[in-house]
């Protein structure tokens, strides 16, 4: 993969997952927002029925209960649709190792071509914030403007949209107008052997 090209030359899949609160968590909801040519696209989201119940703590967080996923497909039944959105795209998420862990366990054999963690990118490219939690960055940068009123924080589609907007904000407000994928990843040299930031 050529990471020295401008960041806009790559396709990104911005991902947010909600889990059932078990350890390790099973997938309950996933949303993917594409970014192509630097433009945020429309989200796709799936509710899935996890193999174990949703805990009360998880339900309080995302407000998805067992009854809401009782008729949802198992993740295996929609895995091909989800993979289609992820294949050949840079995987993006806030605190990405959490989402990536759930996705790789839900989609056996999936391995992203590259990973951008917007939490780490924000700490590097937008220093001085009071907090780097996604909700705080949404407020700081006004990332929730014009989001459909039926979308809410801590649901996958909302969080994936604001994360996608955060990525674009970080990439375009940086002092270097030719920011590359290396720049988003925080790598200094094209031959830097460092692994993807999770």
Protein backbone atom coordinates (compact mmCIF):
# COMPACT_ATOMS: atom_id res chain seq x y z
CA UNK A 1 0.00 0.00 0.00
CA UNK A 2 1.36 3.44 -0.94
CA UNK A 3 1.12 5.58 2.16
CA UNK A 4 3.19 8.49 0.78
CA UNK A 5 0.31 9.67 -1.43
CA UNK A 6 -2.04 12.43 -0.21
CA UNK A 7 -4.48 11.13 2.37
CA UNK A 8 -7.37 11.81 -0.03
CA UNK A 9 -6.06 9.21 -2.50
CA UNK A 10 -7.09 6.39 -0.15
CA UNK A 11 -10.50 4.95 0.64
CA UNK A 12 -11.40 4.80 4.32
CA UNK A 13 -13.97 2.78 6.22
CA UNK A 14 -14.80 4.54 9.46
CA UNK A 15 -16.14 1.99 11.90
CA UNK A 16 -18.01 2.06 15.18
CA UNK A 17 -19.28 -1.00 17.01
CA UNK A 18 -21.57 -1.52 19.98
CA UNK A 19 -21.18 -4.67 22.03
CA UNK A 20 -23.21 -6.74 24.44
CA UNK A 21 -21.05 -5.97 27.48
CA UNK A 22 -19.78 -9.53 27.85
CA UNK A 23 -16.06 -10.27 28.13
CA UNK A 24 -14.93 -10.31 25.41
CA UNK A 25 -17.85 -8.39 23.90
CA UNK A 26 -19.95 -9.83 21.11
CA UNK A 27 -21.09 -7.56 18.28
CA UNK A 28 -24.57 -6.03 18.62
CA UNK A 29 -24.36 -3.15 16.16
CA UNK A 30 -21.83 -1.99 13.58
CA UNK A 31 -21.81 1.08 11.36
CA UNK A 32 -19.40 1.90 8.57
CA UNK A 33 -19.01 5.32 6.97
CA UNK A 34 -16.94 5.53 3.78
CA UNK A 35 -14.60 8.39 2.97
CA UNK A 36 -13.57 8.66 -0.66
CA UNK A 37 -11.60 11.53 -2.19
CA UNK A 38 -11.76 13.19 1.23
CA UNK A 39 -15.58 13.24 1.21
CA UNK A 40 -17.66 11.62 3.95
CA UNK A 41 -20.28 9.27 2.55
CA UNK A 42 -23.50 7.81 3.94
CA UNK A 43 -23.38 5.33 6.81
CA UNK A 44 -24.42 1.70 6.58
CA UNK A 45 -25.36 -0.01 9.81
CA UNK A 46 -26.37 -3.48 10.93
CA UNK A 47 -28.00 -4.74 14.11
CA UNK A 48 -27.00 -8.32 14.81
CA UNK A 49 -28.12 -10.88 17.34
CA UNK A 50 -25.23 -11.71 19.66
CA UNK A 51 -24.74 -15.27 20.89
CA UNK A 52 -24.91 -14.08 24.52
CA UNK A 53 -27.35 -11.66 26.23
CA UNK A 54 -26.80 -7.90 26.33
CA UNK A 55 -25.79 -6.86 29.83
CA UNK A 56 -27.71 -4.18 31.72
CA UNK A 57 -24.63 -1.95 31.76
CA UNK A 58 -24.23 -2.16 27.97
CA UNK A 59 -27.94 -1.51 27.51
CA UNK A 60 -27.73 1.65 29.64
CA UNK A 61 -24.85 2.82 27.46
CA UNK A 62 -26.25 2.26 23.95
CA UNK A 63 -29.94 1.56 24.75
CA UNK A 64 -30.10 -1.61 22.68
CA UNK A 65 -31.83 -4.48 24.45
CA UNK A 66 -32.16 -8.16 23.72
CA UNK A 67 -35.71 -7.63 22.43
CA UNK A 68 -34.45 -5.20 19.78
CA UNK A 69 -32.05 -7.76 18.32
CA UNK A 70 -34.23 -10.84 18.81
CA UNK A 71 -35.19 -10.86 15.12
CA UNK A 72 -31.84 -9.53 13.86
CA UNK A 73 -29.56 -11.77 11.81
CA UNK A 74 -26.50 -13.43 13.26
CA UNK A 75 -23.28 -11.71 12.25
CA UNK A 76 -22.42 -14.64 9.97
CA UNK A 77 -25.52 -13.88 7.91
CA UNK A 78 -24.41 -10.32 7.13
CA UNK A 79 -20.65 -10.89 7.21
CA UNK A 80 -20.28 -10.66 3.43
CA UNK A 81 -22.08 -7.29 3.35
CA UNK A 82 -19.87 -5.93 6.12
CA UNK A 83 -16.68 -7.25 4.53
CA UNK A 84 -17.60 -5.58 1.24
CA UNK A 85 -17.54 -2.20 3.00
CA UNK A 86 -14.24 -2.95 4.76
CA UNK A 87 -12.21 -4.65 2.04
CA UNK A 88 -9.42 -2.58 0.47
CA UNK A 89 -10.15 0.35 2.79
CA UNK A 90 -8.11 1.92 5.56
CA UNK A 91 -9.84 0.95 8.82
CA UNK A 92 -10.59 4.01 10.97
CA UNK A 93 -12.01 4.18 14.47
CA UNK A 94 -11.69 6.15 17.69
CA UNK A 95 -9.61 4.12 20.13
CA UNK A 96 -9.40 1.72 17.22
CA UNK A 97 -8.07 -1.37 18.98
CA UNK A 98 -11.44 -1.81 20.73
CA UNK A 99 -13.51 -1.77 17.53
CA UNK A 100 -10.92 -3.75 15.60
CA UNK A 101 -10.89 -6.48 18.24
CA UNK A 102 -14.67 -6.92 17.99
CA UNK A 103 -14.61 -6.85 14.18
CA UNK A 104 -11.78 -9.35 13.81
CA UNK A 105 -13.46 -11.76 16.21
CA UNK A 106 -16.79 -11.33 14.40
CA UNK A 107 -15.29 -11.72 10.91
CA UNK A 108 -12.74 -14.54 11.10
CA UNK A 109 -9.81 -13.94 8.80
CA UNK A 110 -10.42 -10.20 8.42
CA UNK A 111 -7.24 -8.15 8.50
CA UNK A 112 -7.23 -4.44 7.63
CA UNK A 113 -4.75 -3.09 5.12
CA UNK A 114 -3.97 -0.22 7.50
CA UNK A 115 -5.47 1.29 10.67
CA UNK A 116 -5.91 4.95 11.64
CA UNK A 117 -6.83 5.58 15.25
CA UNK A 118 -8.47 9.02 15.44
CA UNK A 119 -7.82 9.14 19.20
CA UNK A 120 -4.06 8.96 18.65
CA UNK A 121 -4.24 11.18 15.56
CA UNK A 122 -6.19 13.84 17.48
CA UNK A 123 -3.68 13.87 20.33
CA UNK A 124 -0.93 14.47 17.80
CA UNK A 125 -2.64 16.79 15.29
CA UNK A 126 -4.93 18.76 17.64
CA UNK A 127 -2.90 19.28 20.80
CA UNK A 128 -4.26 21.16 23.79
CA UNK A 129 -7.76 19.67 23.99
CA UNK A 130 -9.29 19.28 27.43
CA UNK A 131 -10.25 15.69 26.61
CA UNK A 132 -9.79 13.39 23.65
CA UNK A 133 -12.93 11.37 24.22
CA UNK A 134 -14.99 11.32 21.03
CA UNK A 135 -17.89 13.24 22.58
CA UNK A 136 -15.60 16.03 23.76
CA UNK A 137 -13.98 16.35 20.34
CA UNK A 138 -17.44 16.43 18.73
CA UNK A 139 -18.31 19.40 20.93
CA UNK A 140 -14.94 21.11 20.49
CA UNK A 141 -15.06 20.96 16.69
CA UNK A 142 -18.83 21.16 16.09
CA UNK A 143 -18.91 17.75 14.40
CA UNK A 144 -22.57 16.96 15.13
CA UNK A 145 -24.10 19.71 12.97
CA UNK A 146 -26.90 18.57 10.65
CA UNK A 147 -26.84 14.96 11.80
CA UNK A 148 -30.24 13.31 11.39
CA UNK A 149 -32.31 13.75 14.57
CA UNK A 150 -32.96 10.02 14.88
CA UNK A 151 -29.23 9.36 15.36
CA UNK A 152 -27.81 9.54 18.88
CA UNK A 153 -24.41 9.36 20.61
CA UNK A 154 -23.31 5.85 21.61
CA UNK A 155 -25.16 4.34 18.68
CA UNK A 156 -22.93 3.06 15.91
CA UNK A 157 -24.14 5.23 13.01
CA UNK A 158 -23.88 8.51 14.96
CA UNK A 159 -20.44 7.68 16.35
CA UNK A 160 -19.11 6.54 12.98
CA UNK A 161 -20.32 9.73 11.29
CA UNK A 162 -18.71 12.05 13.84
CA UNK A 163 -15.53 9.97 13.78
CA UNK A 164 -15.41 10.31 9.98
CA UNK A 165 -15.89 14.06 10.30
CA UNK A 166 -13.13 14.13 12.91
CA UNK A 167 -10.73 12.38 10.55
CA UNK A 168 -11.45 14.90 7.78
CA UNK A 169 -11.09 17.78 10.26
CA UNK A 170 -7.73 16.52 11.47
CA UNK A 171 -6.47 15.90 7.95
CA UNK A 172 -7.58 19.25 6.51
CA UNK A 173 -6.79 21.55 9.42
CA UNK A 174 -3.22 20.31 9.67
CA UNK A 175 -0.50 22.80 8.75
CA UNK A 176 0.72 20.52 5.96
CA UNK A 177 -1.72 20.85 3.03
CA UNK A 178 -0.25 17.71 1.49
CA UNK A 179 -0.86 15.50 4.51
CA UNK A 180 -0.35 11.87 3.60
CA UNK A 181 -1.57 8.66 5.14
CA UNK A 182 1.86 8.51 6.79
CA UNK A 183 1.02 11.83 8.39
CA UNK A 184 -2.27 10.51 9.75
CA UNK A 185 -0.47 7.46 11.07
CA UNK A 186 2.23 9.56 12.69
CA UNK A 187 5.07 7.97 10.77
CA UNK A 188 8.04 10.11 9.91
CA UNK A 189 9.62 8.21 7.06
CA UNK A 190 8.19 6.09 4.24
CA UNK A 191 10.51 3.24 5.22
CA UNK A 192 9.44 3.34 8.87
CA UNK A 193 8.75 -0.31 9.72
CA UNK A 194 6.39 0.56 12.58
CA UNK A 195 3.12 -1.43 12.52
CA UNK A 196 -0.29 0.16 12.13
CA UNK A 197 -1.45 2.18 15.10
CA UNK A 198 -4.16 0.26 16.93
